[in-house]
């Protein structure tokens, strides 16, 4: 494979696209993230060598020139000798030698062949660019979407192109679905290090008993914008966030946990509490990502266990 194929970029990709493609792929195949996987380690080595070649302008120019020369050589390769008999070849040679128009004809033929060869090379290159495989197109789309230099309007256009490609290729749609699942898993974080127990005190004049609510686990799903940084910030302040959540739940009336919509009410309480603790404003649009357009920031969903304990 040539370095462009290894990095999943086209031969006309600029330095920024190549750098972004390398960073994206090396994170996926880095040995530290694929312990014991020899194939991943080998691919990481190929990625590094390919990037080192294409990142150096002189090495890349030399490689491109060599590749072009090889293509031209292939196109200009002489045809195999004809099956003409020696006698026929001698007659043809004699005719070319004795014809007064032979030099002019040969010059015109050479010019015509040279022109055809140039146009063949141009057509070959243009055809290659038009025939970039769909998976490579998706790889380039992802690199451009994730580039900080890409404007939001262009990101949304790229997302539309991505969706169009997925609709045309079932295998790519299946692979994208698996990548989306992995992306959601990477943006999910466990809020509780241990079950949380809260006493729910009803209003003094309601006559309702004091209840004890126990939630064994809470998983927060973060938006795609700056998810890794937010996850690190959340884990750093998790103890404070959980304490504030417990206080907010305890301040609510007991019927919030005993109504038919208790699950949805609790999810909403938790989401609002965590966002408030982290000082994140809700319902704001952020730059589109490869999996979300527009992007979202903060807690976008709360996953609770199938049941939770509510005791009198």
C-alpha atoms as a PDB file:
ATOM      1  CA  UNK A   1       0.000   0.000   0.000  1.00  0.00           C
ATOM      2  CA  UNK A   2       1.187   3.519  -0.708  1.00  0.00           C
ATOM      3  CA  UNK A   3       1.277   6.124   2.090  1.00  0.00           C
ATOM      4  CA  UNK A   4      -1.926   7.790   0.880  1.00  0.00           C
ATOM      5  CA  UNK A   5      -3.812   4.492   1.145  1.00  0.00           C
ATOM      6  CA  UNK A   6      -2.348   3.810   4.588  1.00  0.00           C
ATOM      7  CA  UNK A   7      -3.503   7.213   5.906  1.00  0.00           C
ATOM      8  CA  UNK A   8      -6.817   6.952   3.983  1.00  0.00           C
ATOM      9  CA  UNK A   9      -6.390  10.292   2.191  1.00  0.00           C
ATOM     10  CA  UNK A  10      -6.339  11.275  -1.473  1.00  0.00           C
ATOM     11  CA  UNK A  11      -3.098  12.157  -3.300  1.00  0.00           C
ATOM     12  CA  UNK A  12      -4.143  15.833  -3.355  1.00  0.00           C
ATOM     13  CA  UNK A  13      -4.842  16.098   0.397  1.00  0.00           C
ATOM     14  CA  UNK A  14      -3.149  19.083   2.027  1.00  0.00           C
ATOM     15  CA  UNK A  15      -0.815  18.911   5.022  1.00  0.00           C
ATOM     16  CA  UNK A  16      -3.564  19.693   7.550  1.00  0.00           C
ATOM     17  CA  UNK A  17      -5.764  16.848   6.328  1.00  0.00           C
ATOM     18  CA  UNK A  18      -2.853  14.411   6.360  1.00  0.00           C
ATOM     19  CA  UNK A  19      -1.852  15.455   9.888  1.00  0.00           C
ATOM     20  CA  UNK A  20      -5.427  15.139  11.175  1.00  0.00           C
ATOM     21  CA  UNK A  21      -5.847  11.734   9.508  1.00  0.00           C
ATOM     22  CA  UNK A  22      -2.650  10.472  11.122  1.00  0.00           C
ATOM     23  CA  UNK A  23      -3.658  11.679  14.575  1.00  0.00           C
ATOM     24  CA  UNK A  24      -7.083  10.084  14.268  1.00  0.00           C
ATOM     25  CA  UNK A  25      -5.777   6.719  13.027  1.00  0.00           C
ATOM     26  CA  UNK A  26      -2.764   6.464  15.348  1.00  0.00           C
ATOM     27  CA  UNK A  27      -5.077   6.878  18.350  1.00  0.00           C
ATOM     28  CA  UNK A  28      -7.130   3.933  17.096  1.00  0.00           C
ATOM     29  CA  UNK A  29      -4.162   1.620  16.434  1.00  0.00           C
ATOM     30  CA  UNK A  30      -1.671   2.771  19.083  1.00  0.00           C
ATOM     31  CA  UNK A  31      -0.117  -0.222  20.938  1.00  0.00           C
ATOM     32  CA  UNK A  32      -1.055   1.303  24.289  1.00  0.00           C
ATOM     33  CA  UNK A  33      -4.728   0.985  23.353  1.00  0.00           C
ATOM     34  CA  UNK A  34      -4.329  -2.447  21.742  1.00  0.00           C
ATOM     35  CA  UNK A  35      -2.219  -4.407  24.191  1.00  0.00           C
ATOM     36  CA  UNK A  36      -1.114  -7.743  22.781  1.00  0.00           C
ATOM     37  CA  UNK A  37      -2.453  -6.975  19.278  1.00  0.00           C
ATOM     38  CA  UNK A  38       0.450  -7.514  16.883  1.00  0.00           C
ATOM     39  CA  UNK A  39      -1.544  -6.434  13.836  1.00  0.00           C
ATOM     40  CA  UNK A  40      -2.482  -3.122  15.463  1.00  0.00           C
ATOM     41  CA  UNK A  41       1.158  -2.509  16.393  1.00  0.00           C
ATOM     42  CA  UNK A  42       2.269  -3.266  12.833  1.00  0.00           C
ATOM     43  CA  UNK A  43      -0.374  -0.942  11.423  1.00  0.00           C
ATOM     44  CA  UNK A  44       0.685   1.811  13.838  1.00  0.00           C
ATOM     45  CA  UNK A  45       4.237   1.460  12.508  1.00  0.00           C
ATOM     46  CA  UNK A  46       2.971   1.765   8.912  1.00  0.00           C
ATOM     47  CA  UNK A  47       0.957   4.848   9.850  1.00  0.00           C
ATOM     48  CA  UNK A  48       4.003   6.513  11.394  1.00  0.00           C
ATOM     49  CA  UNK A  49       6.227   5.763   8.392  1.00  0.00           C
ATOM     50  CA  UNK A  50       3.570   6.962   5.956  1.00  0.00           C
ATOM     51  CA  UNK A  51       3.067  10.186   7.891  1.00  0.00           C
ATOM     52  CA  UNK A  52       6.799  10.852   8.176  1.00  0.00           C
ATOM     53  CA  UNK A  53       7.096  10.521   4.390  1.00  0.00           C
ATOM     54  CA  UNK A  54       4.106  12.721   3.518  1.00  0.00           C
ATOM     55  CA  UNK A  55       4.798  15.297   6.252  1.00  0.00           C
ATOM     56  CA  UNK A  56       8.187  16.075   4.693  1.00  0.00           C
ATOM     57  CA  UNK A  57       7.547  18.230   1.558  1.00  0.00           C
ATOM     58  CA  UNK A  58      10.724  17.067  -0.169  1.00  0.00           C
ATOM     59  CA  UNK A  59      10.113  13.358   0.490  1.00  0.00           C
ATOM     60  CA  UNK A  60       6.481  13.690  -0.578  1.00  0.00           C
ATOM     61  CA  UNK A  61       7.416  15.521  -3.784  1.00  0.00           C
ATOM     62  CA  UNK A  62       9.992  12.848  -4.591  1.00  0.00           C
ATOM     63  CA  UNK A  63       7.482  10.076  -3.933  1.00  0.00           C
ATOM     64  CA  UNK A  64       4.808  11.772  -6.085  1.00  0.00           C
ATOM     65  CA  UNK A  65       7.306  12.285  -8.916  1.00  0.00           C
ATOM     66  CA  UNK A  66       8.404   8.655  -8.770  1.00  0.00           C
ATOM     67  CA  UNK A  67       4.795   7.428  -8.746  1.00  0.00           C
ATOM     68  CA  UNK A  68       3.943   9.636 -11.717  1.00  0.00           C
ATOM     69  CA  UNK A  69       6.998   8.417 -13.619  1.00  0.00           C
ATOM     70  CA  UNK A  70       6.002   4.815 -12.982  1.00  0.00           C
ATOM     71  CA  UNK A  71       2.482   5.477 -14.277  1.00  0.00           C
ATOM     72  CA  UNK A  72       3.824   7.224 -17.376  1.00  0.00           C
ATOM     73  CA  UNK A  73       6.268   4.382 -17.966  1.00  0.00           C
ATOM     74  CA  UNK A  74       3.424   1.895 -17.736  1.00  0.00           C
ATOM     75  CA  UNK A  75       1.284   3.855 -20.195  1.00  0.00           C
ATOM     76  CA  UNK A  76       4.187   4.341 -22.613  1.00  0.00           C
ATOM     77  CA  UNK A  77       5.397   0.727 -22.560  1.00  0.00           C
ATOM     78  CA  UNK A  78       6.139  -0.506 -26.133  1.00  0.00           C
ATOM     79  CA  UNK A  79       3.777  -2.969 -27.728  1.00  0.00           C
ATOM     80  CA  UNK A  80       5.039  -6.520 -28.241  1.00  0.00           C
ATOM     81  CA  UNK A  81       6.643  -7.230 -31.620  1.00  0.00           C
ATOM     82  CA  UNK A  82       4.190  -8.096 -34.385  1.00  0.00           C
ATOM     83  CA  UNK A  83       3.953 -11.506 -35.892  1.00  0.00           C
ATOM     84  CA  UNK A  84       5.070 -10.203 -39.290  1.00  0.00           C
ATOM     85  CA  UNK A  85       7.590 -12.345 -41.138  1.00  0.00           C
ATOM     86  CA  UNK A  86      11.161 -11.094 -41.691  1.00  0.00           C
ATOM     87  CA  UNK A  87      10.247 -10.612 -45.325  1.00  0.00           C
ATOM     88  CA  UNK A  88       7.299  -8.379 -44.425  1.00  0.00           C
ATOM     89  CA  UNK A  89       9.405  -6.379 -41.984  1.00  0.00           C
ATOM     90  CA  UNK A  90      12.035  -5.881 -44.665  1.00  0.00           C
ATOM     91  CA  UNK A  91       9.409  -4.666 -47.113  1.00  0.00           C
ATOM     92  CA  UNK A  92       7.992  -2.220 -44.579  1.00  0.00           C
ATOM     93  CA  UNK A  93      11.479  -0.923 -43.792  1.00  0.00           C
ATOM     94  CA  UNK A  94      12.239  -0.458 -47.433  1.00  0.00           C
ATOM     95  CA  UNK A  95       9.016   1.491 -47.964  1.00  0.00           C
ATOM     96  CA  UNK A  96       9.702   3.839 -45.064  1.00  0.00           C
ATOM     97  CA  UNK A  97      13.244   4.444 -46.272  1.00  0.00           C
ATOM     98  CA  UNK A  98      12.378   5.219 -49.858  1.00  0.00           C
ATOM     99  CA  UNK A  99       9.231   7.313 -49.213  1.00  0.00           C
ATOM    100  CA  UNK A 100      10.003  11.044 -49.337  1.00  0.00           C
ATOM    101  CA  UNK A 101       7.134  11.803 -46.937  1.00  0.00           C
ATOM    102  CA  UNK A 102       8.400   9.410 -44.234  1.00  0.00           C
ATOM    103  CA  UNK A 103      10.193  12.006 -41.990  1.00  0.00           C
ATOM    104  CA  UNK A 104       7.141  14.313 -41.968  1.00  0.00           C
ATOM    105  CA  UNK A 105       4.793  11.446 -41.228  1.00  0.00           C
ATOM    106  CA  UNK A 106       7.005  10.151 -38.440  1.00  0.00           C
ATOM    107  CA  UNK A 107       7.248  13.624 -36.859  1.00  0.00           C
ATOM    108  CA  UNK A 108       3.475  14.074 -36.935  1.00  0.00           C
ATOM    109  CA  UNK A 109       2.954  10.614 -35.476  1.00  0.00           C
ATOM    110  CA  UNK A 110       5.431  11.310 -32.691  1.00  0.00           C
ATOM    111  CA  UNK A 111       3.664  14.576 -31.842  1.00  0.00           C
ATOM    112  CA  UNK A 112       0.287  12.848 -31.837  1.00  0.00           C
ATOM    113  CA  UNK A 113       1.534  10.033 -29.583  1.00  0.00           C
ATOM    114  CA  UNK A 114       3.116  12.546 -27.203  1.00  0.00           C
ATOM    115  CA  UNK A 115      -0.138  14.525 -26.946  1.00  0.00           C
ATOM    116  CA  UNK A 116      -2.179  11.396 -26.385  1.00  0.00           C
ATOM    117  CA  UNK A 117       0.244  10.298 -23.690  1.00  0.00           C
ATOM    118  CA  UNK A 118      -0.082  13.626 -21.821  1.00  0.00           C
ATOM    119  CA  UNK A 119      -3.873  13.489 -21.959  1.00  0.00           C
ATOM    120  CA  UNK A 120      -3.815   9.865 -20.850  1.00  0.00           C
ATOM    121  CA  UNK A 121      -1.794  10.785 -17.758  1.00  0.00           C
ATOM    122  CA  UNK A 122      -4.167  13.673 -16.971  1.00  0.00           C
ATOM    123  CA  UNK A 123      -7.186  11.442 -17.460  1.00  0.00           C
ATOM    124  CA  UNK A 124      -5.631   8.705 -15.347  1.00  0.00           C
ATOM    125  CA  UNK A 125      -5.037  11.104 -12.438  1.00  0.00           C
ATOM    126  CA  UNK A 126      -8.481  12.700 -12.662  1.00  0.00           C
ATOM    127  CA  UNK A 127     -10.097   9.281 -12.893  1.00  0.00           C
ATOM    128  CA  UNK A 128      -8.263   8.162  -9.784  1.00  0.00           C
ATOM    129  CA  UNK A 129      -9.535  11.176  -7.834  1.00  0.00           C
ATOM    130  CA  UNK A 130     -13.103  10.506  -8.950  1.00  0.00           C
ATOM    131  CA  UNK A 131     -12.815   6.846  -8.045  1.00  0.00           C
ATOM    132  CA  UNK A 132     -11.777   7.344  -4.419  1.00  0.00           C
ATOM    133  CA  UNK A 133     -13.428   4.497  -2.521  1.00  0.00           C
ATOM    134  CA  UNK A 134     -16.422   5.359  -0.296  1.00  0.00           C
ATOM    135  CA  UNK A 135     -14.611   4.307   2.884  1.00  0.00           C
ATOM    136  CA  UNK A 136     -11.733   6.685   2.074  1.00  0.00           C
ATOM    137  CA  UNK A 137     -14.251   9.435   1.352  1.00  0.00           C
ATOM    138  CA  UNK A 138     -15.779   8.853   4.791  1.00  0.00           C
ATOM    139  CA  UNK A 139     -12.326   8.963   6.391  1.00  0.00           C
ATOM    140  CA  UNK A 140     -11.570  12.302   4.738  1.00  0.00           C
ATOM    141  CA  UNK A 141     -15.007  13.654   5.707  1.00  0.00           C
ATOM    142  CA  UNK A 142     -14.317  12.766   9.349  1.00  0.00           C
ATOM    143  CA  UNK A 143     -10.915  14.421   9.287  1.00  0.00           C
ATOM    144  CA  UNK A 144     -12.380  17.616   7.822  1.00  0.00           C
ATOM    145  CA  UNK A 145     -15.309  17.691  10.277  1.00  0.00           C
ATOM    146  CA  UNK A 146     -12.952  17.294  13.245  1.00  0.00           C
ATOM    147  CA  UNK A 147     -10.534  19.936  11.964  1.00  0.00           C
ATOM    148  CA  UNK A 148     -10.793  23.175  14.017  1.00  0.00           C
ATOM    149  CA  UNK A 149     -10.268  25.157  10.799  1.00  0.00           C
ATOM    150  CA  UNK A 150     -13.559  23.892   9.289  1.00  0.00           C
ATOM    151  CA  UNK A 151     -16.481  26.343   9.497  1.00  0.00           C
ATOM    152  CA  UNK A 152     -19.784  25.128  10.953  1.00  0.00           C
ATOM    153  CA  UNK A 153     -21.675  25.558   7.667  1.00  0.00           C
ATOM    154  CA  UNK A 154     -19.094  23.354   5.947  1.00  0.00           C
ATOM    155  CA  UNK A 155     -19.312  20.792   8.771  1.00  0.00           C
ATOM    156  CA  UNK A 156     -23.044  20.426   8.221  1.00  0.00           C
ATOM    157  CA  UNK A 157     -22.520  20.012   4.488  1.00  0.00           C
ATOM    158  CA  UNK A 158     -19.960  17.293   5.212  1.00  0.00           C
ATOM    159  CA  UNK A 159     -22.397  15.553   7.587  1.00  0.00           C
ATOM    160  CA  UNK A 160     -24.989  15.539   4.783  1.00  0.00           C
ATOM    161  CA  UNK A 161     -22.419  14.018   2.400  1.00  0.00           C
ATOM    162  CA  UNK A 162     -21.609  11.391   4.980  1.00  0.00           C
ATOM    163  CA  UNK A 163     -25.282  10.471   5.376  1.00  0.00           C
ATOM    164  CA  UNK A 164     -25.684  10.213   1.612  1.00  0.00           C
ATOM    165  CA  UNK A 165     -22.737   7.814   1.370  1.00  0.00           C
ATOM    166  CA  UNK A 166     -24.075   5.668   4.217  1.00  0.00           C
ATOM    167  CA  UNK A 167     -27.484   5.398   2.548  1.00  0.00           C
ATOM    168  CA  UNK A 168     -25.827   4.106  -0.622  1.00  0.00           C
ATOM    169  CA  UNK A 169     -23.612   1.499   1.055  1.00  0.00           C
ATOM    170  CA  UNK A 170     -25.146  -0.916   3.567  1.00  0.00           C
ATOM    171  CA  UNK A 171     -21.746  -2.223   4.706  1.00  0.00           C
ATOM    172  CA  UNK A 172     -20.562   1.288   5.557  1.00  0.00           C
ATOM    173  CA  UNK A 173     -23.824   1.997   7.385  1.00  0.00           C
ATOM    174  CA  UNK A 174     -23.322  -1.115   9.516  1.00  0.00           C
ATOM    175  CA  UNK A 175     -19.743  -0.144  10.320  1.00  0.00           C
ATOM    176  CA  UNK A 176     -20.846   3.417  11.134  1.00  0.00           C
ATOM    177  CA  UNK A 177     -23.494   2.080  13.521  1.00  0.00           C
ATOM    178  CA  UNK A 178     -20.823   0.121  15.414  1.00  0.00           C
ATOM    179  CA  UNK A 179     -18.587   3.201  15.534  1.00  0.00           C
ATOM    180  CA  UNK A 180     -21.523   5.243  16.850  1.00  0.00           C
ATOM    181  CA  UNK A 181     -22.051   2.700  19.639  1.00  0.00           C
ATOM    182  CA  UNK A 182     -18.362   2.884  20.542  1.00  0.00           C
ATOM    183  CA  UNK A 183     -18.545   6.679  20.521  1.00  0.00           C
ATOM    184  CA  UNK A 184     -21.512   6.663  22.921  1.00  0.00           C
ATOM    185  CA  UNK A 185     -19.668   4.258  25.206  1.00  0.00           C
ATOM    186  CA  UNK A 186     -16.636   6.552  25.231  1.00  0.00           C
ATOM    187  CA  UNK A 187     -18.893   9.497  26.159  1.00  0.00           C
ATOM    188  CA  UNK A 188     -20.591   7.637  29.028  1.00  0.00           C
ATOM    189  CA  UNK A 189     -19.342   8.024  32.579  1.00  0.00           C
ATOM    190  CA  UNK A 190     -20.466   6.445  35.862  1.00  0.00           C
ATOM    191  CA  UNK A 191     -21.447   9.185  38.282  1.00  0.00           C
ATOM    192  CA  UNK A 192     -21.642   7.120  41.485  1.00  0.00           C
ATOM    193  CA  UNK A 193     -18.741   5.283  43.045  1.00  0.00           C
ATOM    194  CA  UNK A 194     -21.228   3.716  45.468  1.00  0.00           C
ATOM    195  CA  UNK A 195     -25.049   3.669  45.808  1.00  0.00           C
ATOM    196  CA  UNK A 196     -26.642   6.917  46.875  1.00  0.00           C
ATOM    197  CA  UNK A 197     -29.302   6.941  49.626  1.00  0.00           C
ATOM    198  CA  UNK A 198     -31.518   9.955  50.201  1.00  0.00           C
ATOM    199  CA  UNK A 199     -34.298  10.652  52.742  1.00  0.00           C
ATOM    200  CA  UNK A 200     -37.260  12.238  50.995  1.00  0.00           C
ATOM    201  CA  UNK A 201     -39.212  14.385  53.413  1.00  0.00           C
ATOM    202  CA  UNK A 202     -42.699  15.361  52.192  1.00  0.00           C
ATOM    203  CA  UNK A 203     -44.358  18.678  52.908  1.00  0.00           C
ATOM    204  CA  UNK A 204     -45.226  19.060  56.609  1.00  0.00           C
ATOM    205  CA  UNK A 205     -48.975  19.259  55.990  1.00  0.00           C
ATOM    206  CA  UNK A 206     -49.228  16.404  53.488  1.00  0.00           C
ATOM    207  CA  UNK A 207     -49.430  13.582  55.992  1.00  0.00           C
ATOM    208  CA  UNK A 208     -47.117  11.485  53.796  1.00  0.00           C
ATOM    209  CA  UNK A 209     -44.404   9.369  55.477  1.00  0.00           C
ATOM    210  CA  UNK A 210     -40.680   9.997  55.190  1.00  0.00           C
ATOM    211  CA  UNK A 211     -39.220   7.799  52.446  1.00  0.00           C
ATOM    212  CA  UNK A 212     -35.736   6.492  51.818  1.00  0.00           C
ATOM    213  CA  UNK A 213     -34.620   6.453  48.184  1.00  0.00           C
ATOM    214  CA  UNK A 214     -31.617   4.327  47.138  1.00  0.00           C
ATOM    215  CA  UNK A 215     -30.166   4.549  43.633  1.00  0.00           C
ATOM    216  CA  UNK A 216     -27.446   1.924  43.002  1.00  0.00           C
ATOM    217  CA  UNK A 217     -25.905   3.485  39.913  1.00  0.00           C
ATOM    218  CA  UNK A 218     -26.203   6.431  37.538  1.00  0.00           C
ATOM    219  CA  UNK A 219     -24.589   6.698  34.107  1.00  0.00           C
ATOM    220  CA  UNK A 220     -24.266  10.084  32.422  1.00  0.00           C
ATOM    221  CA  UNK A 221     -24.045  10.391  28.635  1.00  0.00           C
ATOM    222  CA  UNK A 222     -22.113  13.467  27.530  1.00  0.00           C
ATOM    223  CA  UNK A 223     -22.521  15.441  24.332  1.00  0.00           C
ATOM    224  CA  UNK A 224     -20.021  15.017  21.518  1.00  0.00           C
ATOM    225  CA  UNK A 225     -18.485  18.481  21.859  1.00  0.00           C
ATOM    226  CA  UNK A 226     -15.369  18.444  24.056  1.00  0.00           C
ATOM    227  CA  UNK A 227     -16.564  15.247  25.775  1.00  0.00           C
ATOM    228  CA  UNK A 228     -13.155  14.029  26.946  1.00  0.00           C
ATOM    229  CA  UNK A 229     -12.316  17.320  28.677  1.00  0.00           C
ATOM    230  CA  UNK A 230     -15.745  17.480  30.338  1.00  0.00           C
ATOM    231  CA  UNK A 231     -15.473  13.866  31.508  1.00  0.00           C
ATOM    232  CA  UNK A 232     -12.142  14.597  33.182  1.00  0.00           C
ATOM    233  CA  UNK A 233     -13.626  17.710  34.826  1.00  0.00           C
ATOM    234  CA  UNK A 234     -16.663  15.753  36.025  1.00  0.00           C
ATOM    235  CA  UNK A 235     -14.594  12.977  37.565  1.00  0.00           C
ATOM    236  CA  UNK A 236     -12.379  15.532  39.292  1.00  0.00           C
ATOM    237  CA  UNK A 237     -15.402  17.122  40.986  1.00  0.00           C
ATOM    238  CA  UNK A 238     -17.547  13.989  41.258  1.00  0.00           C
ATOM    239  CA  UNK A 239     -17.779  14.002  45.065  1.00  0.00           C
ATOM    240  CA  UNK A 240     -19.093  17.561  45.144  1.00  0.00           C
ATOM    241  CA  UNK A 241     -21.525  16.873  42.273  1.00  0.00           C
ATOM    242  CA  UNK A 242     -22.929  13.802  44.052  1.00  0.00           C
ATOM    243  CA  UNK A 243     -23.310  15.681  47.359  1.00  0.00           C
ATOM    244  CA  UNK A 244     -25.199  18.486  45.638  1.00  0.00           C
ATOM    245  CA  UNK A 245     -27.373  15.940  43.837  1.00  0.00           C
ATOM    246  CA  UNK A 246     -28.277  14.226  47.134  1.00  0.00           C
ATOM    247  CA  UNK A 247     -29.219  17.582  48.630  1.00  0.00           C
ATOM    248  CA  UNK A 248     -31.393  18.514  45.661  1.00  0.00           C
ATOM    249  CA  UNK A 249     -33.190  15.165  45.756  1.00  0.00           C
ATOM    250  CA  UNK A 250     -33.791  15.459  49.501  1.00  0.00           C
ATOM    251  CA  UNK A 251     -35.310  18.922  49.037  1.00  0.00           C
ATOM    252  CA  UNK A 252     -37.897  17.654  46.560  1.00  0.00           C
ATOM    253  CA  UNK A 253     -41.304  16.424  47.697  1.00  0.00           C
ATOM    254  CA  UNK A 254     -41.701  12.679  48.192  1.00  0.00           C
ATOM    255  CA  UNK A 255     -44.329  12.397  45.476  1.00  0.00           C
ATOM    256  CA  UNK A 256     -41.623  13.136  42.897  1.00  0.00           C
ATOM    257  CA  UNK A 257     -40.250   9.649  43.544  1.00  0.00           C
ATOM    258  CA  UNK A 258     -43.548   7.852  44.063  1.00  0.00           C
ATOM    259  CA  UNK A 259     -45.504   9.030  41.022  1.00  0.00           C
ATOM    260  CA  UNK A 260     -46.019   6.926  37.916  1.00  0.00           C
ATOM    261  CA  UNK A 261     -43.370   8.976  36.101  1.00  0.00           C
ATOM    262  CA  UNK A 262     -40.778   8.555  38.866  1.00  0.00           C
ATOM    263  CA  UNK A 263     -38.066   7.285  36.490  1.00  0.00           C
ATOM    264  CA  UNK A 264     -38.405  10.235  34.117  1.00  0.00           C
ATOM    265  CA  UNK A 265     -38.645  12.730  37.003  1.00  0.00           C
ATOM    266  CA  UNK A 266     -35.500  11.390  38.632  1.00  0.00           C
ATOM    267  CA  UNK A 267     -33.592  11.465  35.351  1.00  0.00           C
ATOM    268  CA  UNK A 268     -34.600  15.068  34.835  1.00  0.00           C
ATOM    269  CA  UNK A 269     -33.622  16.020  38.396  1.00  0.00           C
ATOM    270  CA  UNK A 270     -30.221  14.363  38.049  1.00  0.00           C
ATOM    271  CA  UNK A 271     -29.534  15.987  34.662  1.00  0.00           C
ATOM    272  CA  UNK A 272     -30.474  19.460  35.895  1.00  0.00           C
ATOM    273  CA  UNK A 273     -28.505  19.017  39.138  1.00  0.00           C
ATOM    274  CA  UNK A 274     -25.294  17.887  37.426  1.00  0.00           C
ATOM    275  CA  UNK A 275     -25.500  20.632  34.789  1.00  0.00           C
ATOM    276  CA  UNK A 276     -26.029  23.229  37.520  1.00  0.00           C
ATOM    277  CA  UNK A 277     -23.133  21.866  39.589  1.00  0.00           C
ATOM    278  CA  UNK A 278     -20.825  22.095  36.575  1.00  0.00           C
ATOM    279  CA  UNK A 279     -22.208  25.527  35.644  1.00  0.00           C
ATOM    280  CA  UNK A 280     -23.248  24.399  32.150  1.00  0.00           C
ATOM    281  CA  UNK A 281     -26.079  26.152  30.351  1.00  0.00           C
ATOM    282  CA  UNK A 282     -28.526  23.823  28.642  1.00  0.00           C
ATOM    283  CA  UNK A 283     -30.021  23.939  25.152  1.00  0.00           C
ATOM    284  CA  UNK A 284     -27.114  25.685  23.453  1.00  0.00           C
ATOM    285  CA  UNK A 285     -25.927  24.617  19.996  1.00  0.00           C
ATOM    286  CA  UNK A 286     -22.263  23.694  19.573  1.00  0.00           C
ATOM    287  CA  UNK A 287     -20.156  22.833  16.497  1.00  0.00           C
ATOM    288  CA  UNK A 288     -21.185  19.671  14.690  1.00  0.00           C
ATOM    289  CA  UNK A 289     -19.206  16.490  15.207  1.00  0.00           C
ATOM    290  CA  UNK A 290     -18.937  13.373  13.068  1.00  0.00           C
ATOM    291  CA  UNK A 291     -21.821  11.759  14.998  1.00  0.00           C
ATOM    292  CA  UNK A 292     -23.894  14.822  15.989  1.00  0.00           C
ATOM    293  CA  UNK A 293     -25.106  17.802  13.985  1.00  0.00           C
ATOM    294  CA  UNK A 294     -25.397  20.213  15.658  1.00  0.00           C
ATOM    295  CA  UNK A 295     -23.107  19.137  18.465  1.00  0.00           C
ATOM    296  CA  UNK A 296     -24.099  19.127  22.125  1.00  0.00           C
ATOM    297  CA  UNK A 297     -22.167  19.893  25.296  1.00  0.00           C
ATOM    298  CA  UNK A 298     -22.766  18.730  28.830  1.00  0.00           C
ATOM    299  CA  UNK A 299     -25.010  15.911  30.041  1.00  0.00           C
ATOM    300  CA  UNK A 300     -27.417  14.897  27.270  1.00  0.00           C
ATOM    301  CA  UNK A 301     -28.895  11.773  28.867  1.00  0.00           C
ATOM    302  CA  UNK A 302     -29.110   9.950  32.202  1.00  0.00           C
ATOM    303  CA  UNK A 303     -29.243   6.151  32.378  1.00  0.00           C
ATOM    304  CA  UNK A 304     -30.728   4.644  35.537  1.00  0.00           C
ATOM    305  CA  UNK A 305     -30.978   0.969  36.509  1.00  0.00           C
ATOM    306  CA  UNK A 306     -34.203  -0.869  35.734  1.00  0.00           C
ATOM    307  CA  UNK A 307     -35.369  -0.357  39.324  1.00  0.00           C
ATOM    308  CA  UNK A 308     -34.411   1.544  42.449  1.00  0.00           C
ATOM    309  CA  UNK A 309     -35.260   1.075  46.098  1.00  0.00           C
ATOM    310  CA  UNK A 310     -37.907   3.205  47.777  1.00  0.00           C
ATOM    311  CA  UNK A 311     -38.595   2.313  51.429  1.00  0.00           C
ATOM    312  CA  UNK A 312     -40.904   3.754  54.038  1.00  0.00           C
END
